[in-house]
Amino acid sequence: MAGHSKWANVQHRKNRQDAKRGKIFTRLIKEITVAARLGGGDPDANPRLRLAVDKAYGNNMPKDNVERAIKRGVGGLEGANYEEIRYEGYGTGGAAVMVDCMTDNKTRTVADVRHAFTKFGGNLGGAGSVAFLFKHCGQLVFAPGTSEDRLMEAAIEAGAEDVITNEDGSIEVVTAPNDFVAVRTALEKKGLKAELAEVTFKPTTESAMKGDEAARMQKLLDAIEAIDDVQEVYTTAVIDSG
């Protein structure tokens, strides 16, 4: 992690997410709807739905909105039939970018994603062109000052795969995707609450960027995230927000 602050990057990302609160609600409703359609409307029997519902409540979404999205997913309400699709490509300096979308019109979505890549100096690649640079996992990031010994003991006991201490003092706990909820719940019961907790695609290699290069990459990521059909954007770029 040399050369950049993991913690500053997490804070930067959280601030950007807070600024896009309305868009987050739209994305979460789509995710809840699709999760319920694929795995049923009971969060206790559908891990993907449980994650989506937890994330919705974590973002202060009203219960009525959550319940409506679940009903729509299991067929109780009319609504668009969303399809999941992933796009992969390269941004500034060859940094990898992976884009997960939910769409009712693939032709529109691929055109929008390709336009964003092209406009800001990136290139859309083929399926599998960058996916191998990411690991599907649960990730919990704890603030600098968290007791490393206490967290490590609790995380290992809860079934985590790895505990990583970063140079800036922040600590990451990595889990298998299916173990994420159990590990997070076990840690919270011991008073260890992560600042960032999600099932994600974590880059296995990172490209630290600053100055003009960082600014160009941020514009590309912003353009992709602004597309209505985009759910999540993953990148190997670590942007210096200083």
C-alpha atoms as a PDB file:
ATOM      1  CA  MET A   1       0.000   0.000   0.000  1.00  0.00           C
ATOM      2  CA  ALA A   2       3.052   2.277  -0.230  1.00  0.00           C
ATOM      3  CA  GLY A   3       2.628   5.761  -1.599  1.00  0.00           C
ATOM      4  CA  HIS A   4      -1.018   6.380  -0.815  1.00  0.00           C
ATOM      5  CA  SER A   5      -3.444   6.405   2.084  1.00  0.00           C
ATOM      6  CA  LYS A   6      -6.079   3.685   2.068  1.00  0.00           C
ATOM      7  CA  TRP A   7      -7.996   5.557   4.748  1.00  0.00           C
ATOM      8  CA  ALA A   8      -8.047   8.863   2.831  1.00  0.00           C
ATOM      9  CA  ASN A   9      -9.274   6.975  -0.209  1.00  0.00           C
ATOM     10  CA  VAL A  10     -12.095   5.326   1.761  1.00  0.00           C
ATOM     11  CA  GLN A  11     -13.175   8.690   3.181  1.00  0.00           C
ATOM     12  CA  HIS A  12     -13.034  10.284  -0.267  1.00  0.00           C
ATOM     13  CA  ARG A  13     -15.228   7.523  -1.650  1.00  0.00           C
ATOM     14  CA  LYS A  14     -17.741   7.775   1.189  1.00  0.00           C
ATOM     15  CA  ASN A  15     -18.032  11.543   0.713  1.00  0.00           C
ATOM     16  CA  ARG A  16     -18.656  11.072  -2.991  1.00  0.00           C
ATOM     17  CA  GLN A  17     -21.341   8.473  -2.253  1.00  0.00           C
ATOM     18  CA  ASP A  18     -23.048  10.801   0.224  1.00  0.00           C
ATOM     19  CA  ALA A  19     -23.205  13.463  -2.485  1.00  0.00           C
ATOM     20  CA  LYS A  20     -25.081  10.997  -4.726  1.00  0.00           C
ATOM     21  CA  ARG A  21     -27.655   9.825  -2.181  1.00  0.00           C
ATOM     22  CA  GLY A  22     -30.649   9.954  -4.578  1.00  0.00           C
ATOM     23  CA  LYS A  23     -28.858   7.837  -7.147  1.00  0.00           C
ATOM     24  CA  ILE A  24     -27.895   5.315  -4.456  1.00  0.00           C
ATOM     25  CA  PHE A  25     -31.592   4.784  -3.607  1.00  0.00           C
ATOM     26  CA  THR A  26     -32.370   4.048  -7.275  1.00  0.00           C
ATOM     27  CA  ARG A  27     -29.520   1.538  -7.480  1.00  0.00           C
ATOM     28  CA  LEU A  28     -30.487  -0.176  -4.241  1.00  0.00           C
ATOM     29  CA  ILE A  29     -34.116  -0.553  -5.344  1.00  0.00           C
ATOM     30  CA  LYS A  30     -32.922  -2.237  -8.551  1.00  0.00           C
ATOM     31  CA  GLU A  31     -30.615  -4.559  -6.593  1.00  0.00           C
ATOM     32  CA  ILE A  32     -33.372  -5.514  -4.105  1.00  0.00           C
ATOM     33  CA  THR A  33     -35.818  -6.153  -6.959  1.00  0.00           C
ATOM     34  CA  VAL A  34     -33.429  -8.394  -8.896  1.00  0.00           C
ATOM     35  CA  ALA A  35     -32.226 -10.216  -5.764  1.00  0.00           C
ATOM     36  CA  ALA A  36     -35.830 -10.973  -4.763  1.00  0.00           C
ATOM     37  CA  ARG A  37     -36.705 -12.109  -8.296  1.00  0.00           C
ATOM     38  CA  LEU A  38     -33.741 -14.508  -8.467  1.00  0.00           C
ATOM     39  CA  GLY A  39     -33.702 -15.856  -4.915  1.00  0.00           C
ATOM     40  CA  GLY A  40     -37.110 -15.190  -3.350  1.00  0.00           C
ATOM     41  CA  GLY A  41     -38.428 -12.472  -1.063  1.00  0.00           C
ATOM     42  CA  ASP A  42     -37.197 -13.772   2.310  1.00  0.00           C
ATOM     43  CA  PRO A  43     -33.909 -12.048   3.290  1.00  0.00           C
ATOM     44  CA  ASP A  44     -33.096 -14.806   5.802  1.00  0.00           C
ATOM     45  CA  ALA A  45     -33.145 -17.417   3.020  1.00  0.00           C
ATOM     46  CA  ASN A  46     -31.632 -15.181   0.322  1.00  0.00           C
ATOM     47  CA  PRO A  47     -28.124 -13.888   1.201  1.00  0.00           C
ATOM     48  CA  ARG A  48     -27.978 -11.498  -1.744  1.00  0.00           C
ATOM     49  CA  LEU A  49     -31.310  -9.937  -0.756  1.00  0.00           C
ATOM     50  CA  ARG A  50     -30.184  -9.718   2.874  1.00  0.00           C
ATOM     51  CA  LEU A  51     -27.092  -7.751   1.791  1.00  0.00           C
ATOM     52  CA  ALA A  52     -29.147  -5.410  -0.369  1.00  0.00           C
ATOM     53  CA  VAL A  53     -31.729  -4.792   2.368  1.00  0.00           C
ATOM     54  CA  ASP A  54     -28.993  -4.179   4.977  1.00  0.00           C
ATOM     55  CA  LYS A  55     -27.324  -1.697   2.631  1.00  0.00           C
ATOM     56  CA  ALA A  56     -30.650   0.053   1.998  1.00  0.00           C
ATOM     57  CA  TYR A  57     -31.327   0.484   5.710  1.00  0.00           C
ATOM     58  CA  GLY A  58     -27.709   1.576   6.200  1.00  0.00           C
ATOM     59  CA  ASN A  59     -28.413   4.356   3.713  1.00  0.00           C
ATOM     60  CA  ASN A  60     -31.623   5.329   5.558  1.00  0.00           C
ATOM     61  CA  MET A  61     -34.024   4.065   2.904  1.00  0.00           C
ATOM     62  CA  PRO A  62     -37.635   3.972   4.225  1.00  0.00           C
ATOM     63  CA  LYS A  63     -38.996   0.518   5.008  1.00  0.00           C
ATOM     64  CA  ASP A  64     -41.930   1.011   2.603  1.00  0.00           C
ATOM     65  CA  ASN A  65     -39.517   1.492  -0.319  1.00  0.00           C
ATOM     66  CA  VAL A  66     -37.654  -1.687   0.601  1.00  0.00           C
ATOM     67  CA  GLU A  67     -40.846  -3.745   0.900  1.00  0.00           C
ATOM     68  CA  ARG A  68     -42.198  -2.418  -2.415  1.00  0.00           C
ATOM     69  CA  ALA A  69     -38.971  -3.370  -4.186  1.00  0.00           C
ATOM     70  CA  ILE A  70     -39.152  -6.906  -2.752  1.00  0.00           C
ATOM     71  CA  LYS A  71     -42.804  -7.246  -3.863  1.00  0.00           C
ATOM     72  CA  ARG A  72     -41.907  -6.039  -7.330  1.00  0.00           C
ATOM     73  CA  GLY A  73     -39.133  -8.617  -7.493  1.00  0.00           C
ATOM     74  CA  VAL A  74     -41.297 -11.580  -6.518  1.00  0.00           C
ATOM     75  CA  GLY A  75     -44.042 -10.501  -8.937  1.00  0.00           C
ATOM     76  CA  GLY A  76     -46.399  -8.664  -6.645  1.00  0.00           C
ATOM     77  CA  LEU A  77     -46.017  -5.334  -8.455  1.00  0.00           C
ATOM     78  CA  GLU A  78     -45.508  -4.273 -12.055  1.00  0.00           C
ATOM     79  CA  GLY A  79     -42.053  -3.044 -12.983  1.00  0.00           C
ATOM     80  CA  ALA A  80     -39.212  -3.159 -15.476  1.00  0.00           C
ATOM     81  CA  ASN A  81     -37.496  -6.505 -15.979  1.00  0.00           C
ATOM     82  CA  TYR A  82     -33.827  -5.742 -15.309  1.00  0.00           C
ATOM     83  CA  GLU A  83     -30.957  -7.793 -16.675  1.00  0.00           C
ATOM     84  CA  GLU A  84     -27.448  -7.860 -15.186  1.00  0.00           C
ATOM     85  CA  ILE A  85     -24.493  -7.155 -17.435  1.00  0.00           C
ATOM     86  CA  ARG A  86     -20.812  -6.393 -16.835  1.00  0.00           C
ATOM     87  CA  TYR A  87     -18.455  -4.277 -18.938  1.00  0.00           C
ATOM     88  CA  GLU A  88     -14.670  -4.212 -18.626  1.00  0.00           C
ATOM     89  CA  GLY A  89     -12.104  -1.735 -19.867  1.00  0.00           C
ATOM     90  CA  TYR A  90      -9.116   0.495 -19.239  1.00  0.00           C
ATOM     91  CA  GLY A  91      -8.822   4.069 -18.048  1.00  0.00           C
ATOM     92  CA  THR A  92      -5.968   6.533 -17.583  1.00  0.00           C
ATOM     93  CA  GLY A  93      -2.532   4.920 -17.500  1.00  0.00           C
ATOM     94  CA  GLY A  94      -4.019   1.513 -18.247  1.00  0.00           C
ATOM     95  CA  ALA A  95      -5.862   1.271 -14.903  1.00  0.00           C
ATOM     96  CA  ALA A  96      -8.495  -1.477 -15.016  1.00  0.00           C
ATOM     97  CA  VAL A  97     -12.193  -0.600 -14.728  1.00  0.00           C
ATOM     98  CA  MET A  98     -15.066  -3.044 -14.244  1.00  0.00           C
ATOM     99  CA  VAL A  99     -18.653  -1.800 -14.520  1.00  0.00           C
ATOM    100  CA  ASP A 100     -21.707  -3.717 -13.256  1.00  0.00           C
ATOM    101  CA  CYS A 101     -25.026  -2.632 -14.742  1.00  0.00           C
ATOM    102  CA  MET A 102     -28.712  -3.480 -14.447  1.00  0.00           C
ATOM    103  CA  THR A 103     -30.680  -2.585 -17.520  1.00  0.00           C
ATOM    104  CA  ASP A 104     -33.899  -3.133 -19.428  1.00  0.00           C
ATOM    105  CA  ASN A 105     -32.153  -2.066 -22.658  1.00  0.00           C
ATOM    106  CA  LYS A 106     -28.671  -3.490 -23.298  1.00  0.00           C
ATOM    107  CA  THR A 107     -28.233  -1.544 -26.550  1.00  0.00           C
ATOM    108  CA  ARG A 108     -28.678   1.755 -24.732  1.00  0.00           C
ATOM    109  CA  THR A 109     -26.432   0.750 -21.855  1.00  0.00           C
ATOM    110  CA  VAL A 110     -23.443  -0.411 -23.892  1.00  0.00           C
ATOM    111  CA  ALA A 111     -23.632   2.762 -25.996  1.00  0.00           C
ATOM    112  CA  ASP A 112     -23.632   4.941 -22.853  1.00  0.00           C
ATOM    113  CA  VAL A 113     -20.750   3.030 -21.252  1.00  0.00           C
ATOM    114  CA  ARG A 114     -18.663   3.032 -24.443  1.00  0.00           C
ATOM    115  CA  HIS A 115     -19.244   6.780 -24.870  1.00  0.00           C
ATOM    116  CA  ALA A 116     -18.029   7.500 -21.317  1.00  0.00           C
ATOM    117  CA  PHE A 117     -14.854   5.443 -21.822  1.00  0.00           C
ATOM    118  CA  THR A 118     -14.113   7.036 -25.194  1.00  0.00           C
ATOM    119  CA  LYS A 119     -14.839  10.616 -24.113  1.00  0.00           C
ATOM    120  CA  PHE A 120     -12.407  10.480 -21.202  1.00  0.00           C
ATOM    121  CA  GLY A 121      -9.521   8.598 -22.785  1.00  0.00           C
ATOM    122  CA  GLY A 122     -10.421   5.050 -21.811  1.00  0.00           C
ATOM    123  CA  ASN A 123     -11.049   1.918 -23.843  1.00  0.00           C
ATOM    124  CA  LEU A 124     -13.861  -0.590 -23.499  1.00  0.00           C
ATOM    125  CA  GLY A 125     -12.428  -4.132 -23.562  1.00  0.00           C
ATOM    126  CA  GLY A 126     -13.887  -7.587 -24.045  1.00  0.00           C
ATOM    127  CA  ALA A 127     -15.388  -9.882 -21.417  1.00  0.00           C
ATOM    128  CA  GLY A 128     -12.659 -11.145 -19.088  1.00  0.00           C
ATOM    129  CA  SER A 129     -10.130  -8.507 -20.140  1.00  0.00           C
ATOM    130  CA  VAL A 130      -9.670  -7.142 -16.589  1.00  0.00           C
ATOM    131  CA  ALA A 131     -11.855  -9.305 -14.316  1.00  0.00           C
ATOM    132  CA  PHE A 132      -8.836 -11.431 -13.343  1.00  0.00           C
ATOM    133  CA  LEU A 133      -7.357  -8.342 -11.607  1.00  0.00           C
ATOM    134  CA  PHE A 134     -10.155  -8.340  -8.991  1.00  0.00           C
ATOM    135  CA  LYS A 135     -11.124 -10.698  -6.168  1.00  0.00           C
ATOM    136  CA  HIS A 136     -14.791 -11.156  -5.250  1.00  0.00           C
ATOM    137  CA  CYS A 137     -14.876 -10.844  -1.460  1.00  0.00           C
ATOM    138  CA  GLY A 138     -16.329  -9.197   1.581  1.00  0.00           C
ATOM    139  CA  GLN A 139     -14.334  -6.157   2.743  1.00  0.00           C
ATOM    140  CA  LEU A 140     -14.547  -4.316   6.063  1.00  0.00           C
ATOM    141  CA  VAL A 141     -12.307  -1.283   6.599  1.00  0.00           C
ATOM    142  CA  PHE A 142     -11.694  -0.033  10.149  1.00  0.00           C
ATOM    143  CA  ALA A 143     -10.433   3.405  11.137  1.00  0.00           C
ATOM    144  CA  PRO A 144      -6.832   4.058  12.194  1.00  0.00           C
ATOM    145  CA  GLY A 145      -6.598   3.584  15.943  1.00  0.00           C
ATOM    146  CA  THR A 146      -8.630   0.377  15.992  1.00  0.00           C
ATOM    147  CA  SER A 147      -6.924  -2.247  18.158  1.00  0.00           C
ATOM    148  CA  GLU A 148      -5.139  -4.550  15.722  1.00  0.00           C
ATOM    149  CA  ASP A 149      -4.817  -7.435  18.197  1.00  0.00           C
ATOM    150  CA  ARG A 150      -8.459  -7.255  19.263  1.00  0.00           C
ATOM    151  CA  LEU A 151      -9.732  -7.018  15.702  1.00  0.00           C
ATOM    152  CA  MET A 152      -7.480  -9.789  14.415  1.00  0.00           C
ATOM    153  CA  GLU A 153      -8.540 -12.186  17.165  1.00  0.00           C
ATOM    154  CA  ALA A 154     -12.239 -11.436  16.657  1.00  0.00           C
ATOM    155  CA  ALA A 155     -12.022 -11.596  12.845  1.00  0.00           C
ATOM    156  CA  ILE A 156     -10.220 -14.949  12.781  1.00  0.00           C
ATOM    157  CA  GLU A 157     -12.656 -16.363  15.323  1.00  0.00           C
ATOM    158  CA  ALA A 158     -15.570 -15.150  13.151  1.00  0.00           C
ATOM    159  CA  GLY A 159     -14.187 -16.879  10.039  1.00  0.00           C
ATOM    160  CA  ALA A 160     -12.466 -14.060   8.136  1.00  0.00           C
ATOM    161  CA  GLU A 161      -9.951 -14.967   5.401  1.00  0.00           C
ATOM    162  CA  ASP A 162      -7.415 -12.234   6.073  1.00  0.00           C
ATOM    163  CA  VAL A 163      -6.650  -9.159   8.188  1.00  0.00           C
ATOM    164  CA  ILE A 164      -4.467  -6.472   6.575  1.00  0.00           C
ATOM    165  CA  THR A 165      -2.930  -3.522   8.420  1.00  0.00           C
ATOM    166  CA  ASN A 166      -2.265  -0.591   6.080  1.00  0.00           C
ATOM    167  CA  GLU A 167       0.571   1.915   6.423  1.00  0.00           C
ATOM    168  CA  ASP A 168      -1.866   4.656   7.480  1.00  0.00           C
ATOM    169  CA  GLY A 169      -3.108   2.560  10.423  1.00  0.00           C
ATOM    170  CA  SER A 170      -6.422   1.525   8.890  1.00  0.00           C
ATOM    171  CA  ILE A 171      -7.182  -2.195   9.026  1.00  0.00           C
ATOM    172  CA  GLU A 172      -8.990  -4.300   6.435  1.00  0.00           C
ATOM    173  CA  VAL A 173     -10.797  -7.541   7.143  1.00  0.00           C
ATOM    174  CA  VAL A 174     -11.360  -9.720   4.071  1.00  0.00           C
ATOM    175  CA  THR A 175     -13.970 -12.504   3.964  1.00  0.00           C
ATOM    176  CA  ALA A 176     -15.420 -14.956   1.476  1.00  0.00           C
ATOM    177  CA  PRO A 177     -18.551 -13.338  -0.044  1.00  0.00           C
ATOM    178  CA  ASN A 178     -20.897 -15.811   1.648  1.00  0.00           C
ATOM    179  CA  ASP A 179     -19.253 -15.266   5.062  1.00  0.00           C
ATOM    180  CA  PHE A 180     -19.474 -11.470   4.976  1.00  0.00           C
ATOM    181  CA  VAL A 181     -22.741 -11.039   6.906  1.00  0.00           C
ATOM    182  CA  ALA A 182     -21.729 -13.522   9.620  1.00  0.00           C
ATOM    183  CA  VAL A 183     -18.289 -11.917  10.100  1.00  0.00           C
ATOM    184  CA  ARG A 184     -19.667  -8.363  10.142  1.00  0.00           C
ATOM    185  CA  THR A 185     -22.377  -9.360  12.658  1.00  0.00           C
ATOM    186  CA  ALA A 186     -19.856 -11.135  14.916  1.00  0.00           C
ATOM    187  CA  LEU A 187     -17.497  -8.134  14.901  1.00  0.00           C
ATOM    188  CA  GLU A 188     -20.308  -5.650  15.608  1.00  0.00           C
ATOM    189  CA  LYS A 189     -21.417  -7.747  18.579  1.00  0.00           C
ATOM    190  CA  LYS A 190     -17.915  -7.175  19.996  1.00  0.00           C
ATOM    191  CA  GLY A 191     -18.159  -3.426  19.419  1.00  0.00           C
ATOM    192  CA  LEU A 192     -16.030  -3.449  16.255  1.00  0.00           C
ATOM    193  CA  LYS A 193     -17.935  -1.495  13.601  1.00  0.00           C
ATOM    194  CA  ALA A 194     -16.349  -0.933  10.196  1.00  0.00           C
ATOM    195  CA  GLU A 195     -16.400   2.461   8.495  1.00  0.00           C
ATOM    196  CA  LEU A 196     -16.841   0.719   5.151  1.00  0.00           C
ATOM    197  CA  ALA A 197     -18.394  -2.744   4.857  1.00  0.00           C
ATOM    198  CA  GLU A 198     -19.438  -4.332   1.575  1.00  0.00           C
ATOM    199  CA  VAL A 199     -19.233  -7.328  -0.709  1.00  0.00           C
ATOM    200  CA  THR A 200     -17.106  -6.037  -3.535  1.00  0.00           C
ATOM    201  CA  PHE A 201     -14.527  -6.780  -6.195  1.00  0.00           C
ATOM    202  CA  LYS A 202     -11.249  -5.841  -4.519  1.00  0.00           C
ATOM    203  CA  PRO A 203      -8.342  -5.095  -6.855  1.00  0.00           C
ATOM    204  CA  THR A 204      -5.435  -7.514  -6.439  1.00  0.00           C
ATOM    205  CA  THR A 205      -3.084  -4.835  -7.785  1.00  0.00           C
ATOM    206  CA  GLU A 206      -3.407  -1.055  -7.451  1.00  0.00           C
ATOM    207  CA  SER A 207      -2.233   1.971  -9.448  1.00  0.00           C
ATOM    208  CA  ALA A 208      -1.665   5.093  -7.334  1.00  0.00           C
ATOM    209  CA  MET A 209      -2.506   8.282  -9.245  1.00  0.00           C
ATOM    210  CA  LYS A 210      -2.063  11.970  -8.528  1.00  0.00           C
ATOM    211  CA  GLY A 211      -2.191  15.314 -10.308  1.00  0.00           C
ATOM    212  CA  ASP A 212      -3.511  15.504 -13.883  1.00  0.00           C
ATOM    213  CA  GLU A 213      -3.566  11.739 -14.261  1.00  0.00           C
ATOM    214  CA  ALA A 214      -5.747  11.377 -11.153  1.00  0.00           C
ATOM    215  CA  ALA A 215      -8.065  14.172 -12.336  1.00  0.00           C
ATOM    216  CA  ARG A 216      -8.563  12.528 -15.738  1.00  0.00           C
ATOM    217  CA  MET A 217      -9.269   9.161 -14.144  1.00  0.00           C
ATOM    218  CA  GLN A 218     -11.779  10.711 -11.730  1.00  0.00           C
ATOM    219  CA  LYS A 219     -13.629  12.331 -14.642  1.00  0.00           C
ATOM    220  CA  LEU A 220     -13.878   8.947 -16.368  1.00  0.00           C
ATOM    221  CA  LEU A 221     -15.182   7.261 -13.203  1.00  0.00           C
ATOM    222  CA  ASP A 222     -17.675  10.098 -12.597  1.00  0.00           C
ATOM    223  CA  ALA A 223     -18.965   9.830 -16.177  1.00  0.00           C
ATOM    224  CA  ILE A 224     -19.480   6.068 -15.821  1.00  0.00           C
ATOM    225  CA  GLU A 225     -21.132   6.382 -12.402  1.00  0.00           C
ATOM    226  CA  ALA A 226     -23.523   9.028 -13.766  1.00  0.00           C
ATOM    227  CA  ILE A 227     -25.062   6.515 -16.196  1.00  0.00           C
ATOM    228  CA  ASP A 228     -28.502   5.498 -14.903  1.00  0.00           C
ATOM    229  CA  ASP A 229     -27.992   1.783 -15.635  1.00  0.00           C
ATOM    230  CA  VAL A 230     -24.670   1.556 -13.738  1.00  0.00           C
ATOM    231  CA  GLN A 231     -24.836  -0.155 -10.341  1.00  0.00           C
ATOM    232  CA  GLU A 232     -21.175  -0.403  -9.289  1.00  0.00           C
ATOM    233  CA  VAL A 233     -17.790   0.640 -10.640  1.00  0.00           C
ATOM    234  CA  TYR A 234     -14.572  -1.120  -9.579  1.00  0.00           C
ATOM    235  CA  THR A 235     -11.095   0.068 -10.480  1.00  0.00           C
ATOM    236  CA  THR A 236      -7.435  -0.669  -9.772  1.00  0.00           C
ATOM    237  CA  ALA A 237      -6.822   3.104  -9.701  1.00  0.00           C
ATOM    238  CA  VAL A 238      -6.233   4.659  -6.283  1.00  0.00           C
ATOM    239  CA  ILE A 239      -6.801   8.378  -6.665  1.00  0.00           C
ATOM    240  CA  ASP A 240      -4.927  10.836  -4.453  1.00  0.00           C
ATOM    241  CA  SER A 241      -7.695  13.158  -3.281  1.00  0.00           C
ATOM    242  CA  GLY A 242      -5.250  15.569  -1.659  1.00  0.00           C
END
